[in-house]
Protein backbone atom coordinates (compact mmCIF):
# COMPACT_ATOMS: atom_id res chain seq x y z
CA MET A 1 -0.35 -0.16 0.16
CA LYS A 2 1.77 3.40 -1.29
CA PRO A 3 1.21 6.62 1.00
CA PHE A 4 -0.35 9.14 -0.35
CA LEU A 5 -1.52 13.35 -0.16
CA ALA A 6 -4.86 13.90 0.78
CA GLY A 7 -4.61 17.40 0.38
CA HIS A 8 -6.60 18.48 3.59
CA GLU A 9 -4.99 21.69 4.55
CA ASP A 10 -5.63 20.62 8.70
CA LEU A 11 -5.39 17.65 10.61
CA ILE A 12 -7.74 14.67 9.14
CA HIS A 13 -10.15 12.48 11.61
CA ASP A 14 -11.06 9.75 10.12
CA ILE A 15 -10.95 7.39 6.96
CA ALA A 16 -13.74 5.29 5.80
CA TYR A 17 -13.51 2.69 2.95
CA ASP A 18 -17.04 1.84 1.14
CA PHE A 19 -17.95 -1.44 0.96
CA TYR A 20 -15.99 -3.41 -1.66
CA GLY A 21 -12.71 -1.36 -0.78
CA ARG A 22 -12.39 0.58 -4.20
CA ARG A 23 -13.37 3.89 -2.89
CA LEU A 24 -12.34 5.65 0.14
CA ALA A 25 -13.68 8.54 2.26
CA THR A 26 -11.89 11.52 4.49
CA CYS A 27 -12.85 14.02 6.73
CA SER A 28 -10.90 16.94 8.38
CA SER A 29 -10.98 19.95 10.44
CA ASP A 30 -10.75 22.01 7.76
CA GLN A 31 -14.60 21.09 7.18
CA HIS A 32 -14.04 19.06 4.06
CA VAL A 33 -14.64 15.66 2.92
CA LYS A 34 -13.30 14.16 0.13
CA VAL A 35 -13.58 11.08 -1.79
CA PHE A 36 -10.67 9.20 -3.68
CA ASP A 37 -11.45 6.10 -6.25
CA ARG A 38 -8.76 3.39 -6.42
CA VAL A 39 -6.95 3.26 -9.61
CA GLY A 40 -4.61 0.38 -10.95
CA ARG A 41 -2.51 -2.09 -8.54
CA ASN A 42 -1.58 -0.55 -5.24
CA ASP A 43 1.90 -2.38 -5.64
CA GLY A 44 2.07 -1.31 -9.28
CA PRO A 45 3.89 1.54 -10.66
CA ASN A 46 0.84 3.44 -11.59
CA GLY A 47 -1.59 2.33 -8.42
CA GLY A 48 -2.82 4.07 -5.80
CA TRP A 49 -5.57 6.57 -5.24
CA GLU A 50 -6.36 9.30 -7.33
CA LEU A 51 -9.48 12.62 -6.11
CA CYS A 52 -12.91 12.14 -7.01
CA ASP A 53 -14.28 15.14 -5.51
CA SER A 54 -14.00 17.80 -2.60
CA TRP A 55 -16.30 19.84 -1.31
CA LYS A 56 -17.06 22.27 2.42
CA ALA A 57 -19.39 19.73 4.21
CA HIS A 58 -19.83 21.32 7.39
CA ASP A 59 -19.16 24.52 9.32
CA ALA A 60 -16.41 22.50 11.78
CA ALA A 61 -14.31 20.16 12.23
CA VAL A 62 -15.87 17.55 10.82
CA VAL A 63 -14.71 14.33 12.98
CA LYS A 64 -16.23 11.01 11.28
CA VAL A 65 -17.40 10.24 7.27
CA ALA A 66 -18.96 6.41 7.06
CA TRP A 67 -20.50 4.91 3.81
CA CYS A 68 -23.73 2.90 3.76
CA GLY A 69 -24.33 -0.55 2.32
CA PRO A 70 -24.04 -0.95 -1.61
CA GLU A 71 -28.09 -1.14 -1.50
CA PHE A 72 -28.73 1.98 -1.39
CA GLY A 73 -26.33 3.62 -3.62
CA GLN A 74 -23.42 6.11 -3.42
CA VAL A 75 -24.10 7.74 -0.17
CA ILE A 76 -21.86 9.09 2.82
CA ALA A 77 -22.60 10.12 6.45
CA SER A 78 -20.53 12.66 8.24
CA CYS A 79 -21.20 13.96 11.56
CA SER A 80 -19.62 17.43 12.79
CA HIS A 81 -18.77 19.78 15.69
CA ASP A 82 -21.40 22.12 13.87
CA CYS A 83 -23.22 19.30 15.57
CA THR A 84 -25.07 18.13 12.63
CA ILE A 85 -24.92 14.33 10.46
CA ARG A 86 -25.32 15.03 6.95
CA ILE A 87 -26.31 12.51 4.28
CA PHE A 88 -24.40 12.93 0.74
CA GLU A 89 -24.85 11.12 -2.08
CA GLU A 90 -23.21 10.52 -5.57
CA ASP A 91 -24.39 12.28 -8.56
CA ALA A 92 -22.67 10.59 -11.39
CA ARG A 93 -23.50 13.74 -14.22
CA GLU A 94 -21.63 15.58 -12.22
CA GLN A 95 -17.91 15.82 -13.87
CA GLN A 96 -15.04 14.99 -10.73
CA HIS A 97 -13.40 17.23 -9.06
CA SER A 98 -15.89 20.32 -9.56
CA GLY A 99 -17.09 19.92 -5.64
CA ARG A 100 -20.50 19.45 -6.96
CA ARG A 101 -20.48 15.58 -7.76
CA TRP A 102 -21.68 15.41 -4.04
CA LYS A 103 -25.04 16.74 -3.32
CA ARG A 104 -26.50 16.82 0.17
CA ARG A 105 -29.62 15.46 0.56
CA HIS A 106 -30.28 15.62 4.57
CA VAL A 107 -29.02 17.48 7.89
CA ILE A 108 -30.22 15.88 11.01
CA THR A 109 -30.33 18.36 13.63
CA ASP A 110 -31.02 16.53 17.35
CA ALA A 111 -27.83 16.64 18.70
CA SER A 112 -27.43 19.44 21.23
CA GLY A 113 -23.31 18.96 21.21
CA PRO A 114 -20.74 18.40 18.91
CA LEU A 115 -20.85 14.67 17.55
CA TYR A 116 -17.83 12.17 17.59
CA ASP A 117 -19.34 9.08 16.26
CA ILE A 118 -21.66 7.47 13.47
CA ALA A 119 -22.37 3.93 11.91
CA PHE A 120 -24.48 2.92 9.10
CA ALA A 121 -26.53 -0.53 10.33
CA PRO A 122 -26.00 -3.39 8.36
CA SER A 123 -28.31 -3.24 5.37
CA HIS A 124 -30.59 -6.20 6.39
CA MET A 125 -31.81 -3.69 8.94
CA GLY A 126 -32.70 -1.22 6.08
CA LEU A 127 -31.03 2.21 6.03
CA LYS A 128 -30.25 2.76 9.50
CA LEU A 129 -27.73 5.25 10.98
CA ALA A 130 -26.69 5.79 14.90
CA SER A 131 -25.10 8.63 16.30
CA ILE A 132 -23.38 9.68 19.77
CA GLY A 133 -21.98 12.96 20.72
CA ALA A 134 -20.96 15.44 23.34
CA ASP A 135 -24.26 15.51 25.14
CA GLY A 136 -24.47 11.76 26.17
CA THR A 137 -27.22 10.58 23.89
CA PHE A 138 -27.33 7.83 22.20
CA ARG A 139 -29.76 8.05 18.96
CA ILE A 140 -30.75 6.19 15.83
CA HIS A 141 -32.25 7.59 12.60
CA GLU A 142 -34.11 5.95 9.75
CA ALA A 143 -34.75 6.87 5.76
CA MET A 144 -38.25 7.05 5.86
CA ASP A 145 -37.85 7.41 1.52
CA PRO A 146 -34.01 5.35 1.22
CA ASN A 147 -34.65 6.56 -2.30
CA THR A 148 -34.46 10.07 -1.92
CA LEU A 149 -33.42 10.51 1.21
CA GLY A 150 -34.86 13.39 1.88
CA TYR A 151 -36.26 12.61 5.48
CA TRP A 152 -35.16 11.18 8.44
CA ALA A 153 -36.76 9.85 11.89
CA THR A 154 -35.31 9.94 14.90
CA ILE A 155 -36.61 6.16 15.98
CA ALA A 156 -34.37 6.04 19.23
CA GLU A 157 -32.92 8.44 21.64
CA ILE A 158 -31.24 6.97 24.78
CA PRO A 159 -29.52 9.26 27.48
CA ILE A 160 -26.38 7.34 28.18
CA LEU A 161 -24.75 10.18 30.60
CA SER A 162 -26.84 11.93 33.03
CA SER A 163 -25.22 14.79 32.12
CA PRO A 164 -22.98 16.28 29.10
CA PRO A 165 -18.76 15.31 30.12
CA ASN A 166 -17.19 18.57 31.10
CA ARG A 167 -15.60 20.16 28.10
CA THR A 168 -12.26 20.91 29.70
CA LEU A 169 -11.34 17.33 29.96
CA GLN A 170 -10.99 14.73 27.34
CA SER A 171 -14.02 12.28 26.61
CA SER A 172 -14.11 9.26 23.78
CA PHE A 173 -17.09 8.05 21.73
CA ALA A 174 -17.85 5.51 19.97
CA LEU A 175 -20.38 2.73 18.42
CA ALA A 176 -20.38 -0.49 16.43
CA TRP A 177 -23.24 -2.65 14.78
CA CYS A 178 -23.91 -6.56 15.06
CA PRO A 179 -23.29 -7.40 11.67
CA SER A 180 -24.81 -10.63 12.15
CA ARG A 181 -28.54 -11.40 10.38
CA PHE A 182 -28.88 -14.31 12.44
CA PHE A 183 -28.38 -12.36 15.69
CA LYS A 184 -30.65 -9.90 17.65
CA GLU A 185 -30.36 -6.28 16.12
CA SER A 186 -27.55 -5.03 18.42
CA ILE A 187 -25.43 -2.31 18.69
CA VAL A 188 -22.30 -1.02 21.09
CA VAL A 189 -22.12 1.93 22.48
CA CYS A 190 -19.33 3.35 24.02
CA VAL A 191 -18.98 6.76 26.23
CA LEU A 192 -16.30 7.25 27.89
CA ASP A 193 -14.96 4.36 30.05
CA ASP A 194 -17.82 2.32 30.00
CA ALA A 195 -19.50 0.37 27.17
CA PHE A 196 -23.11 -1.13 26.54
CA ILE A 197 -24.57 -3.66 24.46
CA TYR A 198 -28.28 -2.28 23.26
CA GLN A 199 -30.75 -4.80 21.76
CA ARG A 200 -33.93 -4.27 20.20
CA ASP A 201 -36.51 -6.12 22.00
CA GLY A 202 -40.18 -7.68 21.01
CA MET A 203 -42.01 -4.34 20.98
CA GLY A 204 -39.01 -2.24 18.99
CA LYS A 205 -36.96 -0.74 21.78
CA TYR A 206 -33.70 -0.56 21.99
CA VAL A 207 -33.32 -1.89 25.58
CA ARG A 208 -29.38 -2.11 27.48
CA ALA A 209 -28.95 -5.88 27.54
CA ALA A 210 -25.40 -5.64 29.08
CA GLN A 211 -22.02 -4.29 30.17
CA LEU A 212 -18.35 -4.87 28.44
CA PRO A 213 -16.25 -4.76 31.79
CA GLU A 214 -12.74 -4.17 33.09
CA HIS A 215 -11.98 -0.66 31.00
CA ARG A 216 -9.61 1.59 33.12
CA GLY A 217 -10.04 4.33 30.58
CA LEU A 218 -11.52 5.95 27.58
CA ILE A 219 -12.43 3.88 24.87
CA ARG A 220 -11.55 5.12 21.58
CA ASP A 221 -13.06 2.59 19.49
CA VAL A 222 -15.23 -0.35 19.10
CA ALA A 223 -15.27 -3.60 16.25
CA TRP A 224 -17.96 -6.13 16.77
CA ALA A 225 -16.66 -9.29 14.20
CA PRO A 226 -18.69 -10.52 11.12
CA SER A 227 -19.57 -14.05 12.82
CA MET A 228 -19.34 -16.42 9.91
CA GLY A 229 -21.16 -18.95 11.26
CA ARG A 230 -19.82 -18.78 14.67
CA GLY A 231 -22.25 -19.80 17.75
CA TYR A 232 -21.03 -16.59 19.39
CA GLN A 233 -20.30 -13.01 19.20
CA LEU A 234 -16.85 -10.72 18.94
CA ILE A 235 -15.94 -7.45 20.16
CA ALA A 236 -13.27 -5.81 20.35
CA THR A 237 -12.26 -2.04 21.93
CA ALA A 238 -9.23 0.41 22.10
CA CYS A 239 -8.31 1.72 25.26
CA LYS A 240 -6.65 4.78 26.75
CA ASP A 241 -5.30 2.38 29.24
CA GLY A 242 -3.27 0.72 26.71
CA PHE A 243 -5.20 -2.75 25.98
CA VAL A 244 -7.00 -4.33 23.24
CA ARG A 245 -9.90 -6.10 24.74
CA ILE A 246 -11.88 -9.00 23.30
CA PHE A 247 -15.19 -10.13 24.64
CA LYS A 248 -16.76 -13.19 23.81
CA VAL A 249 -20.90 -12.28 23.49
CA THR A 250 -23.22 -15.93 23.80
CA GLY A 251 -26.90 -16.02 24.86
CA GLY A 252 -29.73 -13.16 23.98
CA SER A 253 -31.19 -15.10 20.81
CA ASP A 254 -34.54 -14.05 22.69
CA ASP A 255 -36.00 -11.25 25.34
CA ASN A 256 -36.00 -13.94 27.66
CA GLU A 257 -32.24 -14.99 27.83
CA PRO A 258 -29.78 -12.69 28.90
CA LEU A 259 -26.71 -11.68 27.27
CA ASN A 260 -23.33 -13.25 28.84
CA VAL A 261 -19.98 -11.36 28.40
CA GLU A 262 -17.03 -12.96 28.81
CA LEU A 263 -13.19 -11.60 28.42
CA LEU A 264 -11.45 -13.48 26.37
CA ALA A 265 -8.43 -11.45 25.57
CA LYS A 266 -6.32 -8.30 26.31
CA PHE A 267 -3.13 -7.06 25.17
CA ASP A 268 -0.61 -4.23 25.79
CA ASP A 269 1.88 -4.87 23.07
CA HIS A 270 1.42 -1.07 21.82
CA HIS A 271 3.16 0.02 25.31
CA GLY A 272 0.75 3.04 25.31
CA GLU A 273 -2.67 4.09 24.28
CA VAL A 274 -4.83 1.92 21.60
CA TRP A 275 -6.61 4.67 18.88
CA ARG A 276 -8.14 1.57 16.64
CA VAL A 277 -9.14 -1.20 16.50
CA SER A 278 -10.29 -3.53 13.62
CA TRP A 279 -11.71 -6.83 12.15
CA ASN A 280 -11.06 -8.69 8.63
CA LEU A 281 -14.54 -9.62 6.40
CA THR A 282 -14.23 -12.76 8.08
CA GLY A 283 -13.91 -11.69 11.81
CA THR A 284 -11.17 -13.76 11.93
CA ILE A 285 -8.08 -11.19 12.29
CA LEU A 286 -8.16 -8.73 14.29
CA SER A 287 -5.74 -5.45 13.48
CA SER A 288 -4.87 -2.57 15.90
CA ALA A 289 -3.20 1.10 16.18
CA GLY A 290 -1.65 2.53 19.05
CA ASP A 291 0.53 4.91 20.18
CA ASP A 292 3.34 3.21 19.12
CA GLY A 293 3.19 4.13 15.61
CA LYS A 294 2.85 0.17 14.96
CA ILE A 295 -0.35 -2.01 13.37
CA ARG A 296 -0.56 -5.44 15.30
CA PHE A 297 -2.43 -7.91 13.16
CA TRP A 298 -3.94 -10.81 15.97
CA LYS A 299 -6.04 -14.09 15.25
CA ALA A 300 -6.83 -17.02 17.34
CA ALA A 301 -4.85 -20.05 17.05
CA TYR A 302 -6.47 -23.42 17.97
CA SER A 303 -6.69 -23.37 21.21
CA ASN A 304 -8.55 -20.21 20.68
CA GLU A 305 -6.27 -17.92 22.41
CA PHE A 306 -5.78 -14.60 20.32
CA GLN A 307 -1.64 -14.12 19.08
CA CYS A 308 -0.07 -11.04 17.11
CA ILE A 309 0.74 -12.57 14.08
CA ALA A 310 2.46 -9.56 12.35
CA VAL A 311 3.19 -6.34 12.99
CA VAL A 312 3.39 -3.23 10.00
CA SER A 313 5.39 0.11 11.38
CA ALA A 314 4.43 2.54 9.18
CA GLU A 315 7.42 4.77 9.17
CA GLN A 316 9.42 1.41 7.94
CA ARG A 317 6.65 1.23 5.27
CA ALA A 318 7.34 4.79 4.30
CA GLN A 319 10.76 4.37 3.77
CA SER A 320 10.77 1.44 1.76
CA ASP A 321 7.97 2.78 -0.60
CA LEU A 322 10.74 5.87 -0.87
CA GLU A 323 13.66 3.24 -1.69
C-alpha cells in the first residue's frame, strides 16, 4: 500500500473505505470531505488513489465519515462539531473535481452538542444510522424513503450520561453494530470508559442488555466482528489504558435469554494508548493501532487464544516505498 497526499489543510480525523474497498473517504478539521477512487494496483508503478471530489461539508471540524451499504447507492454520512449529521449522495452526472458531484440530501440536527461518531446499520436492517456525541445521548435515525434520502426520523433517543462531560476534560465516544443477520439487532455504545450493548426487543425498543467490563480509561474505538457461522459474537475495544480487549458474547437470542459477556483476551503490546481496532471480513483477524506507531494483527490459534501474527510500522513502510 503506497502512501499518498490527501490534500487536506488541517488534521485528518477519519478515513473510511466503501463496502468493496475501491473507494476511500476522508474528513478533516478543514471542514472538508474528500472521496478517492482506487486506480490500478497499489503495488504497481501507476497504482494508488485518485481524487474524485472534494467539498466543504460542515461549518466546523468533520470528525467522522461513513459509507452506507451498496444496496442504497453511493451514500456518505458525516458528523461534525457543528452538531449536525449530513447525508450526501453521489450524482454521477456531475464532473469529478467540480465540488458538486456529491449532493447534500439531508441534515440531521437533533444533537445539542458536538458529534463524535456515526455508524450505518447493516443493510438487512434497513437504512439506519446511529450517532453519539458530547450531549451523552445515543440516537438512531432511519430514512423513511431510501430512494430520495430527504426525510429521516429519529426512532430511538437514549440518554447514556446523566449530564454532558466537562468540556475541559478529554472525552471519547464510539459505536459498532452487530453485522450478523442471525443475531438479534444489536449495537455496542461506548461513552467515556463504559461500553454497553443495546438490543431491539419485541416491542421495537432499544434496551440495555449487557456491559463490557474492565476498562480503566477512555474507550477510543470498538469493533463488532462478523460471525461467519460462529455460535457466539466477538467485540474488540481500543482503550486509553493501553489495552486491546476482546469480548465473547453469547445468549440473547430472544427477549427471555440474557446476554453473557466474557473477557476473552487483552493485550498491552502497544505500550501506550490504543486508538483503533478493526476486524477483517471473516471476523478471524483483528488489527489494532496505537501510540507506538504500529499496526498489530491478532488471530486466534486452535486453542482459541489470540496471538499477534504480524506487526506493521508506518515509518518502515514509508521508507521502503521511498527506496
